[in-house]
């Protein structure tokens, strides 16, 4: 009986890790695209998961809503914050702190 529980726990952890890495890669691509679109510098070329919580998608299914933060620069000598929210596998929003338009 314990063997089944241990295998289920390992499978759940493996799913969590795989799903988290897939969402992180998606957030990384979206943040980079937003910076390129607005001709901004995507600093450190990385995102960090700042919040994960369960939520419902448009079909009412229970999925994870993950918020990723990142930093960008509009002038090259400052840091501004941005965020990407991913609901399940769908990008829900991209928010950039106000910056100087070039």
PDB file of N, CA and C in Angstrom:
ATOM      1  N   UNK A   1       0.814  -1.188   0.000  1.00  0.00           N
ATOM      2  CA  UNK A   1       0.000   0.000   0.000  1.00  0.00           C
ATOM      3  C   UNK A   1       0.862   1.258   0.000  1.00  0.00           C
ATOM      4  N   UNK A   2       1.922   1.268   0.807  1.00  0.00           N
ATOM      5  CA  UNK A   2       2.804   2.435   0.855  1.00  0.00           C
ATOM      6  C   UNK A   2       3.538   2.633  -0.462  1.00  0.00           C
ATOM      7  N   UNK A   3       3.826   1.528  -1.152  1.00  0.00           N
ATOM      8  CA  UNK A   3       4.506   1.637  -2.440  1.00  0.00           C
ATOM      9  C   UNK A   3       3.656   2.424  -3.437  1.00  0.00           C
ATOM     10  N   UNK A   4       2.370   2.148  -3.438  1.00  0.00           N
ATOM     11  CA  UNK A   4       1.466   2.871  -4.333  1.00  0.00           C
ATOM     12  C   UNK A   4       1.395   4.354  -3.989  1.00  0.00           C
ATOM     13  N   UNK A   5       1.364   4.656  -2.692  1.00  0.00           N
ATOM     14  CA  UNK A   5       1.334   6.045  -2.254  1.00  0.00           C
ATOM     15  C   UNK A   5       2.613   6.766  -2.658  1.00  0.00           C
ATOM     16  N   UNK A   6       3.748   6.136  -2.462  1.00  0.00           N
ATOM     17  CA  UNK A   6       5.036   6.741  -2.820  1.00  0.00           C
ATOM     18  C   UNK A   6       5.114   6.969  -4.325  1.00  0.00           C
ATOM     19  N   UNK A   7       4.686   5.999  -5.119  1.00  0.00           N
ATOM     20  CA  UNK A   7       4.700   6.153  -6.577  1.00  0.00           C
ATOM     21  C   UNK A   7       3.764   7.275  -7.023  1.00  0.00           C
ATOM     22  N   UNK A   8       2.592   7.385  -6.398  1.00  0.00           N
ATOM     23  CA  UNK A   8       1.662   8.459  -6.738  1.00  0.00           C
ATOM     24  C   UNK A   8       2.257   9.817  -6.371  1.00  0.00           C
ATOM     25  N   UNK A   9       2.922   9.902  -5.236  1.00  0.00           N
ATOM     26  CA  UNK A   9       3.545  11.165  -4.818  1.00  0.00           C
ATOM     27  C   UNK A   9       4.671  11.548  -5.772  1.00  0.00           C
ATOM     28  N   UNK A  10       5.470  10.587  -6.181  1.00  0.00           N
ATOM     29  CA  UNK A  10       6.561  10.862  -7.134  1.00  0.00           C
ATOM     30  C   UNK A  10       5.985  11.298  -8.475  1.00  0.00           C
ATOM     31  N   UNK A  11       4.918  10.646  -8.924  1.00  0.00           N
ATOM     32  CA  UNK A  11       4.282  11.024 -10.194  1.00  0.00           C
ATOM     33  C   UNK A  11       3.708  12.430 -10.106  1.00  0.00           C
ATOM     34  N   UNK A  12       3.095  12.780  -8.981  1.00  0.00           N
ATOM     35  CA  UNK A  12       2.540  14.125  -8.813  1.00  0.00           C
ATOM     36  C   UNK A  12       3.651  15.175  -8.819  1.00  0.00           C
ATOM     37  N   UNK A  13       4.748  14.896  -8.143  1.00  0.00           N
ATOM     38  CA  UNK A  13       5.880  15.827  -8.142  1.00  0.00           C
ATOM     39  C   UNK A  13       6.489  15.981  -9.529  1.00  0.00           C
ATOM     40  N   UNK A  14       6.594  14.887 -10.272  1.00  0.00           N
ATOM     41  CA  UNK A  14       7.126  14.951 -11.636  1.00  0.00           C
ATOM     42  C   UNK A  14       6.209  15.768 -12.534  1.00  0.00           C
ATOM     43  N   UNK A  15       4.883  15.592 -12.398  1.00  0.00           N
ATOM     44  CA  UNK A  15       3.937  16.385 -13.175  1.00  0.00           C
ATOM     45  C   UNK A  15       4.072  17.867 -12.813  1.00  0.00           C
ATOM     46  N   UNK A  16       4.131  18.171 -11.526  1.00  0.00           N
ATOM     47  CA  UNK A  16       4.247  19.564 -11.057  1.00  0.00           C
ATOM     48  C   UNK A  16       5.497  20.213 -11.645  1.00  0.00           C
ATOM     49  N   UNK A  17       6.619  19.508 -11.593  1.00  0.00           N
ATOM     50  CA  UNK A  17       7.881  20.051 -12.111  1.00  0.00           C
ATOM     51  C   UNK A  17       7.766  20.289 -13.614  1.00  0.00           C
ATOM     52  N   UNK A  18       7.266  19.316 -14.351  1.00  0.00           N
ATOM     53  CA  UNK A  18       7.154  19.442 -15.809  1.00  0.00           C
ATOM     54  C   UNK A  18       6.215  20.584 -16.184  1.00  0.00           C
ATOM     55  N   UNK A  19       5.073  20.669 -15.532  1.00  0.00           N
ATOM     56  CA  UNK A  19       4.109  21.725 -15.811  1.00  0.00           C
ATOM     57  C   UNK A  19       4.681  23.095 -15.465  1.00  0.00           C
ATOM     58  N   UNK A  20       5.412  23.193 -14.371  1.00  0.00           N
ATOM     59  CA  UNK A  20       6.034  24.459 -13.962  1.00  0.00           C
ATOM     60  C   UNK A  20       7.101  24.895 -14.956  1.00  0.00           C
ATOM     61  N   UNK A  21       7.902  23.978 -15.440  1.00  0.00           N
ATOM     62  CA  UNK A  21       8.948  24.322 -16.416  1.00  0.00           C
ATOM     63  C   UNK A  21       8.325  24.763 -17.742  1.00  0.00           C
ATOM     64  N   UNK A  22       7.247  24.102 -18.142  1.00  0.00           N
ATOM     65  CA  UNK A  22       6.566  24.485 -19.382  1.00  0.00           C
ATOM     66  C   UNK A  22       5.964  25.889 -19.266  1.00  0.00           C
ATOM     67  N   UNK A  23       5.342  26.190 -18.139  1.00  0.00           N
ATOM     68  CA  UNK A  23       4.765  27.524 -17.922  1.00  0.00           C
ATOM     69  C   UNK A  23       5.860  28.578 -17.844  1.00  0.00           C
ATOM     70  N   UNK A  24       6.986  28.256 -17.202  1.00  0.00           N
ATOM     71  CA  UNK A  24       8.104  29.199 -17.100  1.00  0.00           C
ATOM     72  C   UNK A  24       8.664  29.524 -18.478  1.00  0.00           C
ATOM     73  N   UNK A  25       8.832  28.513 -19.319  1.00  0.00           N
ATOM     74  CA  UNK A  25       9.340  28.740 -20.670  1.00  0.00           C
ATOM     75  C   UNK A  25       8.377  29.611 -21.478  1.00  0.00           C
ATOM     76  N   UNK A  26       7.103  29.394 -21.295  1.00  0.00           N
ATOM     77  CA  UNK A  26       6.097  30.218 -21.986  1.00  0.00           C
ATOM     78  C   UNK A  26       6.180  31.671 -21.513  1.00  0.00           C
ATOM     79  N   UNK A  27       6.285  31.874 -20.194  1.00  0.00           N
ATOM     80  CA  UNK A  27       6.402  33.228 -19.637  1.00  0.00           C
ATOM     81  C   UNK A  27       7.675  33.908 -20.127  1.00  0.00           C
ATOM     82  N   UNK A  28       8.757  33.167 -20.213  1.00  0.00           N
ATOM     83  CA  UNK A  28      10.026  33.704 -20.700  1.00  0.00           C
ATOM     84  C   UNK A  28       9.898  34.177 -22.142  1.00  0.00           C
ATOM     85  N   UNK A  29       9.257  33.378 -22.975  1.00  0.00           N
ATOM     86  CA  UNK A  29       9.062  33.750 -24.383  1.00  0.00           C
ATOM     87  C   UNK A  29       8.160  34.971 -24.513  1.00  0.00           C
ATOM     88  N   UNK A  30       7.089  35.030 -23.731  1.00  0.00           N
ATOM     89  CA  UNK A  30       6.149  36.149 -23.800  1.00  0.00           C
ATOM     90  C   UNK A  30       6.806  37.438 -23.310  1.00  0.00           C
ATOM     91  N   UNK A  31       7.550  37.369 -22.218  1.00  0.00           N
ATOM     92  CA  UNK A  31       8.234  38.560 -21.692  1.00  0.00           C
ATOM     93  C   UNK A  31       9.264  39.073 -22.695  1.00  0.00           C
ATOM     94  N   UNK A  32      10.035  38.174 -23.291  1.00  0.00           N
ATOM     95  CA  UNK A  32      11.009  38.579 -24.300  1.00  0.00           C
ATOM     96  C   UNK A  32      10.351  39.208 -25.510  1.00  0.00           C
ATOM     97  N   UNK A  33       9.236  38.647 -25.959  1.00  0.00           N
ATOM     98  CA  UNK A  33       8.510  39.198 -27.115  1.00  0.00           C
ATOM     99  C   UNK A  33       7.955  40.584 -26.795  1.00  0.00           C
ATOM    100  N   UNK A  34       7.439  40.775 -25.588  1.00  0.00           N
ATOM    101  CA  UNK A  34       6.903  42.086 -25.203  1.00  0.00           C
ATOM    102  C   UNK A  34       8.020  43.133 -25.189  1.00  0.00           C
ATOM    103  N   UNK A  35       9.185  42.760 -24.704  1.00  0.00           N
ATOM    104  CA  UNK A  35      10.316  43.697 -24.685  1.00  0.00           C
ATOM    105  C   UNK A  35      10.792  44.015 -26.101  1.00  0.00           C
ATOM    106  N   UNK A  36      10.875  43.011 -26.961  1.00  0.00           N
ATOM    107  CA  UNK A  36      11.283  43.258 -28.353  1.00  0.00           C
ATOM    108  C   UNK A  36      10.269  44.142 -29.068  1.00  0.00           C
ATOM    109  N   UNK A  37       8.994  43.881 -28.845  1.00  0.00           N
ATOM    110  CA  UNK A  37       7.931  44.655 -29.485  1.00  0.00           C
ATOM    111  C   UNK A  37       8.044  46.142 -29.145  1.00  0.00           C
ATOM    112  N   UNK A  38       8.344  46.448 -27.886  1.00  0.00           N
ATOM    113  CA  UNK A  38       8.430  47.843 -27.447  1.00  0.00           C
ATOM    114  C   UNK A  38       9.856  48.384 -27.447  1.00  0.00           C
ATOM    115  N   UNK A  39      10.793  47.628 -28.045  1.00  0.00           N
ATOM    116  CA  UNK A  39      12.201  48.016 -28.144  1.00  0.00           C
ATOM    117  C   UNK A  39      12.806  48.318 -26.773  1.00  0.00           C
ATOM    118  N   UNK A  40      12.604  47.384 -25.840  1.00  0.00           N
ATOM    119  CA  UNK A  40      13.136  47.491 -24.487  1.00  0.00           C
ATOM    120  C   UNK A  40      14.205  46.432 -24.282  1.00  0.00           C
ATOM    121  N   UNK A  41      15.055  46.635 -23.289  1.00  0.00           N
ATOM    122  CA  UNK A  41      16.070  45.641 -22.938  1.00  0.00           C
ATOM    123  C   UNK A  41      15.465  44.689 -21.909  1.00  0.00           C
ATOM    124  N   UNK A  42      15.441  43.414 -22.231  1.00  0.00           N
ATOM    125  CA  UNK A  42      14.941  42.380 -21.327  1.00  0.00           C
ATOM    126  C   UNK A  42      16.101  41.999 -20.415  1.00  0.00           C
ATOM    127  N   UNK A  43      16.131  42.572 -19.218  1.00  0.00           N
ATOM    128  CA  UNK A  43      17.270  42.411 -18.323  1.00  0.00           C
ATOM    129  C   UNK A  43      17.361  40.990 -17.769  1.00  0.00           C
ATOM    130  N   UNK A  44      18.555  40.470 -17.729  1.00  0.00           N
ATOM    131  CA  UNK A  44      18.880  39.129 -17.220  1.00  0.00           C
ATOM    132  C   UNK A  44      18.228  38.002 -18.021  1.00  0.00           C
ATOM    133  N   UNK A  45      17.355  38.341 -18.959  1.00  0.00           N
ATOM    134  CA  UNK A  45      16.653  37.357 -19.790  1.00  0.00           C
ATOM    135  C   UNK A  45      16.123  36.185 -18.967  1.00  0.00           C
ATOM    136  N   UNK A  46      15.441  36.519 -17.878  1.00  0.00           N
ATOM    137  CA  UNK A  46      14.875  35.495 -17.008  1.00  0.00           C
ATOM    138  C   UNK A  46      13.583  35.997 -16.371  1.00  0.00           C
ATOM    139  N   UNK A  47      12.779  35.058 -15.914  1.00  0.00           N
ATOM    140  CA  UNK A  47      11.558  35.369 -15.188  1.00  0.00           C
ATOM    141  C   UNK A  47      11.587  34.611 -13.867  1.00  0.00           C
ATOM    142  N   UNK A  48      10.845  35.115 -12.891  1.00  0.00           N
ATOM    143  CA  UNK A  48      10.744  34.416 -11.610  1.00  0.00           C
ATOM    144  C   UNK A  48       9.280  34.230 -11.260  1.00  0.00           C
ATOM    145  N   UNK A  49       8.952  33.055 -10.762  1.00  0.00           N
ATOM    146  CA  UNK A  49       7.582  32.781 -10.353  1.00  0.00           C
ATOM    147  C   UNK A  49       7.362  33.460  -8.997  1.00  0.00           C
ATOM    148  N   UNK A  50       6.443  34.418  -8.971  1.00  0.00           N
ATOM    149  CA  UNK A  50       6.204  35.159  -7.736  1.00  0.00           C
ATOM    150  C   UNK A  50       4.908  34.740  -7.046  1.00  0.00           C
ATOM    151  N   UNK A  51       4.043  34.020  -7.782  1.00  0.00           N
ATOM    152  CA  UNK A  51       2.792  33.575  -7.167  1.00  0.00           C
ATOM    153  C   UNK A  51       2.204  32.417  -7.961  1.00  0.00           C
ATOM    154  N   UNK A  52       1.732  31.413  -7.246  1.00  0.00           N
ATOM    155  CA  UNK A  52       1.031  30.286  -7.845  1.00  0.00           C
ATOM    156  C   UNK A  52      -0.191  29.997  -6.990  1.00  0.00           C
ATOM    157  N   UNK A  53      -1.346  29.910  -7.645  1.00  0.00           N
ATOM    158  CA  UNK A  53      -2.566  29.605  -6.901  1.00  0.00           C
ATOM    159  C   UNK A  53      -3.553  28.897  -7.815  1.00  0.00           C
ATOM    160  N   UNK A  54      -4.433  28.096  -7.246  1.00  0.00           N
ATOM    161  CA  UNK A  54      -5.465  27.451  -8.061  1.00  0.00           C
ATOM    162  C   UNK A  54      -6.513  28.465  -8.488  1.00  0.00           C
ATOM    163  N   UNK A  55      -7.058  28.255  -9.678  1.00  0.00           N
ATOM    164  CA  UNK A  55      -8.079  29.151 -10.215  1.00  0.00           C
ATOM    165  C   UNK A  55      -8.911  28.379 -11.238  1.00  0.00           C
ATOM    166  N   UNK A  56      -9.980  28.974 -11.702  1.00  0.00           N
ATOM    167  CA  UNK A  56     -10.836  28.359 -12.718  1.00  0.00           C
ATOM    168  C   UNK A  56     -10.604  29.026 -14.070  1.00  0.00           C
ATOM    169  N   UNK A  57     -10.546  28.226 -15.131  1.00  0.00           N
ATOM    170  CA  UNK A  57     -10.409  28.793 -16.475  1.00  0.00           C
ATOM    171  C   UNK A  57     -11.798  29.070 -17.054  1.00  0.00           C
ATOM    172  N   UNK A  58     -11.858  29.448 -18.337  1.00  0.00           N
ATOM    173  CA  UNK A  58     -13.129  29.797 -18.982  1.00  0.00           C
ATOM    174  C   UNK A  58     -14.117  28.633 -19.039  1.00  0.00           C
ATOM    175  N   UNK A  59     -13.609  27.415 -19.064  1.00  0.00           N
ATOM    176  CA  UNK A  59     -14.477  26.242 -19.103  1.00  0.00           C
ATOM    177  C   UNK A  59     -14.844  25.744 -17.706  1.00  0.00           C
ATOM    178  N   UNK A  60     -14.383  26.430 -16.666  1.00  0.00           N
ATOM    179  CA  UNK A  60     -14.697  26.040 -15.297  1.00  0.00           C
ATOM    180  C   UNK A  60     -13.772  24.991 -14.713  1.00  0.00           C
ATOM    181  N   UNK A  61     -12.730  24.614 -15.457  1.00  0.00           N
ATOM    182  CA  UNK A  61     -11.788  23.616 -14.954  1.00  0.00           C
ATOM    183  C   UNK A  61     -10.846  24.240 -13.938  1.00  0.00           C
ATOM    184  N   UNK A  62     -10.438  23.459 -12.961  1.00  0.00           N
ATOM    185  CA  UNK A  62      -9.478  23.914 -11.961  1.00  0.00           C
ATOM    186  C   UNK A  62      -8.071  23.819 -12.551  1.00  0.00           C
ATOM    187  N   UNK A  63      -7.383  24.952 -12.661  1.00  0.00           N
ATOM    188  CA  UNK A  63      -6.023  25.018 -13.202  1.00  0.00           C
ATOM    189  C   UNK A  63      -5.193  25.913 -12.291  1.00  0.00           C
ATOM    190  N   UNK A  64      -3.919  26.008 -12.588  1.00  0.00           N
ATOM    191  CA  UNK A  64      -3.036  26.875 -11.809  1.00  0.00           C
ATOM    192  C   UNK A  64      -2.868  28.221 -12.503  1.00  0.00           C
ATOM    193  N   UNK A  65      -2.955  29.279 -11.733  1.00  0.00           N
ATOM    194  CA  UNK A  65      -2.655  30.633 -12.222  1.00  0.00           C
ATOM    195  C   UNK A  65      -1.289  30.991 -11.661  1.00  0.00           C
ATOM    196  N   UNK A  66      -0.342  31.195 -12.570  1.00  0.00           N
ATOM    197  CA  UNK A  66       1.023  31.525 -12.168  1.00  0.00           C
ATOM    198  C   UNK A  66       1.357  32.944 -12.610  1.00  0.00           C
ATOM    199  N   UNK A  67       1.976  33.692 -11.708  1.00  0.00           N
ATOM    200  CA  UNK A  67       2.421  35.042 -12.031  1.00  0.00           C
ATOM    201  C   UNK A  67       3.939  35.045 -12.020  1.00  0.00           C
ATOM    202  N   UNK A  68       4.520  35.498 -13.121  1.00  0.00           N
ATOM    203  CA  UNK A  68       5.977  35.581 -13.270  1.00  0.00           C
ATOM    204  C   UNK A  68       6.383  37.040 -13.367  1.00  0.00           C
ATOM    205  N   UNK A  69       7.416  37.407 -12.630  1.00  0.00           N
ATOM    206  CA  UNK A  69       7.951  38.757 -12.692  1.00  0.00           C
ATOM    207  C   UNK A  69       9.236  38.784 -13.500  1.00  0.00           C
ATOM    208  N   UNK A  70       9.516  39.923 -14.104  1.00  0.00           N
ATOM    209  CA  UNK A  70      10.764  40.109 -14.831  1.00  0.00           C
ATOM    210  C   UNK A  70      11.128  41.584 -14.799  1.00  0.00           C
ATOM    211  N   UNK A  71      12.343  41.903 -15.219  1.00  0.00           N
ATOM    212  CA  UNK A  71      12.800  43.285 -15.250  1.00  0.00           C
ATOM    213  C   UNK A  71      13.225  43.663 -16.657  1.00  0.00           C
ATOM    214  N   UNK A  72      13.001  44.942 -16.985  1.00  0.00           N
ATOM    215  CA  UNK A  72      13.401  45.467 -18.277  1.00  0.00           C
ATOM    216  C   UNK A  72      13.909  46.884 -18.084  1.00  0.00           C
ATOM    217  N   UNK A  73      14.533  47.425 -19.124  1.00  0.00           N
ATOM    218  CA  UNK A  73      15.036  48.789 -19.069  1.00  0.00           C
ATOM    219  C   UNK A  73      14.613  49.520 -20.335  1.00  0.00           C
ATOM    220  N   UNK A  74      14.240  50.788 -20.156  1.00  0.00           N
ATOM    221  CA  UNK A  74      13.878  51.597 -21.321  1.00  0.00           C
ATOM    222  C   UNK A  74      15.015  52.523 -21.734  1.00  0.00           C
ATOM    223  N   UNK A  75      15.913  52.832 -20.816  1.00  0.00           N
ATOM    224  CA  UNK A  75      17.017  53.743 -21.125  1.00  0.00           C
ATOM    225  C   UNK A  75      18.375  53.065 -21.095  1.00  0.00           C
ATOM    226  N   UNK A  76      18.459  51.905 -20.520  1.00  0.00           N
ATOM    227  CA  UNK A  76      19.739  51.206 -20.412  1.00  0.00           C
ATOM    228  C   UNK A  76      20.419  51.400 -19.072  1.00  0.00           C
ATOM    229  N   UNK A  77      19.935  52.333 -18.258  1.00  0.00           N
ATOM    230  CA  UNK A  77      20.564  52.539 -16.950  1.00  0.00           C
ATOM    231  C   UNK A  77      19.542  52.545 -15.817  1.00  0.00           C
ATOM    232  N   UNK A  78      18.409  51.884 -16.023  1.00  0.00           N
ATOM    233  CA  UNK A  78      17.411  51.751 -14.964  1.00  0.00           C
ATOM    234  C   UNK A  78      16.777  50.367 -15.038  1.00  0.00           C
ATOM    235  N   UNK A  79      16.023  50.036 -14.031  1.00  0.00           N
ATOM    236  CA  UNK A  79      15.307  48.755 -13.978  1.00  0.00           C
ATOM    237  C   UNK A  79      13.842  49.028 -13.731  1.00  0.00           C
ATOM    238  N   UNK A  80      13.015  48.423 -14.546  1.00  0.00           N
ATOM    239  CA  UNK A  80      11.572  48.519 -14.373  1.00  0.00           C
ATOM    240  C   UNK A  80      11.024  47.098 -14.299  1.00  0.00           C
ATOM    241  N   UNK A  81       9.849  46.952 -13.694  1.00  0.00           N
ATOM    242  CA  UNK A  81       9.262  45.629 -13.478  1.00  0.00           C
ATOM    243  C   UNK A  81       8.145  45.354 -14.484  1.00  0.00           C
ATOM    244  N   UNK A  82       8.015  44.097 -14.795  1.00  0.00           N
ATOM    245  CA  UNK A  82       6.922  43.625 -15.615  1.00  0.00           C
ATOM    246  C   UNK A  82       6.433  42.300 -15.065  1.00  0.00           C
ATOM    247  N   UNK A  83       5.277  41.856 -15.538  1.00  0.00           N
ATOM    248  CA  UNK A  83       4.765  40.562 -15.095  1.00  0.00           C
ATOM    249  C   UNK A  83       3.982  39.886 -16.213  1.00  0.00           C
ATOM    250  N   UNK A  84       3.977  38.574 -16.151  1.00  0.00           N
ATOM    251  CA  UNK A  84       3.214  37.736 -17.074  1.00  0.00           C
ATOM    252  C   UNK A  84       2.357  36.807 -16.219  1.00  0.00           C
ATOM    253  N   UNK A  85       1.065  36.745 -16.509  1.00  0.00           N
ATOM    254  CA  UNK A  85       0.164  35.847 -15.788  1.00  0.00           C
ATOM    255  C   UNK A  85      -0.262  34.748 -16.747  1.00  0.00           C
ATOM    256  N   UNK A  86      -0.058  33.497 -16.323  1.00  0.00           N
ATOM    257  CA  UNK A  86      -0.423  32.342 -17.135  1.00  0.00           C
ATOM    258  C   UNK A  86      -1.478  31.546 -16.370  1.00  0.00           C
ATOM    259  N   UNK A  87      -2.627  31.351 -17.017  1.00  0.00           N
ATOM    260  CA  UNK A  87      -3.726  30.589 -16.440  1.00  0.00           C
ATOM    261  C   UNK A  87      -3.775  29.246 -17.149  1.00  0.00           C
ATOM    262  N   UNK A  88      -3.359  28.214 -16.467  1.00  0.00           N
ATOM    263  CA  UNK A  88      -3.245  26.895 -17.096  1.00  0.00           C
ATOM    264  C   UNK A  88      -2.121  26.931 -18.111  1.00  0.00           C
ATOM    265  N   UNK A  89      -2.462  26.886 -19.395  1.00  0.00           N
ATOM    266  CA  UNK A  89      -1.455  26.992 -20.456  1.00  0.00           C
ATOM    267  C   UNK A  89      -1.653  28.253 -21.287  1.00  0.00           C
ATOM    268  N   UNK A  90      -2.598  29.097 -20.886  1.00  0.00           N
ATOM    269  CA  UNK A  90      -2.953  30.294 -21.639  1.00  0.00           C
ATOM    270  C   UNK A  90      -2.364  31.539 -20.990  1.00  0.00           C
ATOM    271  N   UNK A  91      -1.775  32.406 -21.802  1.00  0.00           N
ATOM    272  CA  UNK A  91      -1.281  33.684 -21.293  1.00  0.00           C
ATOM    273  C   UNK A  91      -2.493  34.568 -21.030  1.00  0.00           C
ATOM    274  N   UNK A  92      -2.658  34.968 -19.787  1.00  0.00           N
ATOM    275  CA  UNK A  92      -3.802  35.785 -19.404  1.00  0.00           C
ATOM    276  C   UNK A  92      -3.499  37.271 -19.553  1.00  0.00           C
ATOM    277  N   UNK A  93      -2.300  37.703 -19.151  1.00  0.00           N
ATOM    278  CA  UNK A  93      -1.960  39.127 -19.269  1.00  0.00           C
ATOM    279  C   UNK A  93      -0.451  39.336 -19.222  1.00  0.00           C
ATOM    280  N   UNK A  94      -0.034  40.449 -19.807  1.00  0.00           N
ATOM    281  CA  UNK A  94       1.341  40.927 -19.737  1.00  0.00           C
ATOM    282  C   UNK A  94       1.257  42.382 -19.306  1.00  0.00           C
ATOM    283  N   UNK A  95       1.946  42.727 -18.230  1.00  0.00           N
ATOM    284  CA  UNK A  95       1.899  44.089 -17.699  1.00  0.00           C
ATOM    285  C   UNK A  95       3.321  44.617 -17.603  1.00  0.00           C
ATOM    286  N   UNK A  96       3.527  45.821 -18.155  1.00  0.00           N
ATOM    287  CA  UNK A  96       4.822  46.486 -18.070  1.00  0.00           C
ATOM    288  C   UNK A  96       4.657  47.769 -17.268  1.00  0.00           C
ATOM    289  N   UNK A  97       5.580  48.004 -16.361  1.00  0.00           N
ATOM    290  CA  UNK A  97       5.598  49.263 -15.623  1.00  0.00           C
ATOM    291  C   UNK A  97       5.732  50.403 -16.621  1.00  0.00           C
ATOM    292  N   UNK A  98       5.128  51.564 -16.389  1.00  0.00           N
ATOM    293  CA  UNK A  98       5.246  52.678 -17.342  1.00  0.00           C
ATOM    294  C   UNK A  98       6.712  53.002 -17.651  1.00  0.00           C
ATOM    295  N   UNK A  99       6.983  53.314 -18.921  1.00  0.00           N
ATOM    296  CA  UNK A  99       8.344  53.608 -19.358  1.00  0.00           C
ATOM    297  C   UNK A  99       8.310  54.705 -20.402  1.00  0.00           C
ATOM    298  N   UNK A 100       9.485  55.269 -20.685  1.00  0.00           N
ATOM    299  CA  UNK A 100       9.593  56.325 -21.695  1.00  0.00           C
ATOM    300  C   UNK A 100       9.503  55.717 -23.082  1.00  0.00           C
ATOM    301  N   UNK A 101       8.609  56.231 -23.904  1.00  0.00           N
ATOM    302  CA  UNK A 101       8.485  55.767 -25.285  1.00  0.00           C
ATOM    303  C   UNK A 101       9.640  56.334 -26.106  1.00  0.00           C
ATOM    304  N   UNK A 102      10.163  55.501 -26.973  1.00  0.00           N
ATOM    305  CA  UNK A 102      11.317  55.937 -27.787  1.00  0.00           C
ATOM    306  C   UNK A 102      10.879  56.305 -29.170  1.00  0.00           C
TER     307      UNK A 102
END
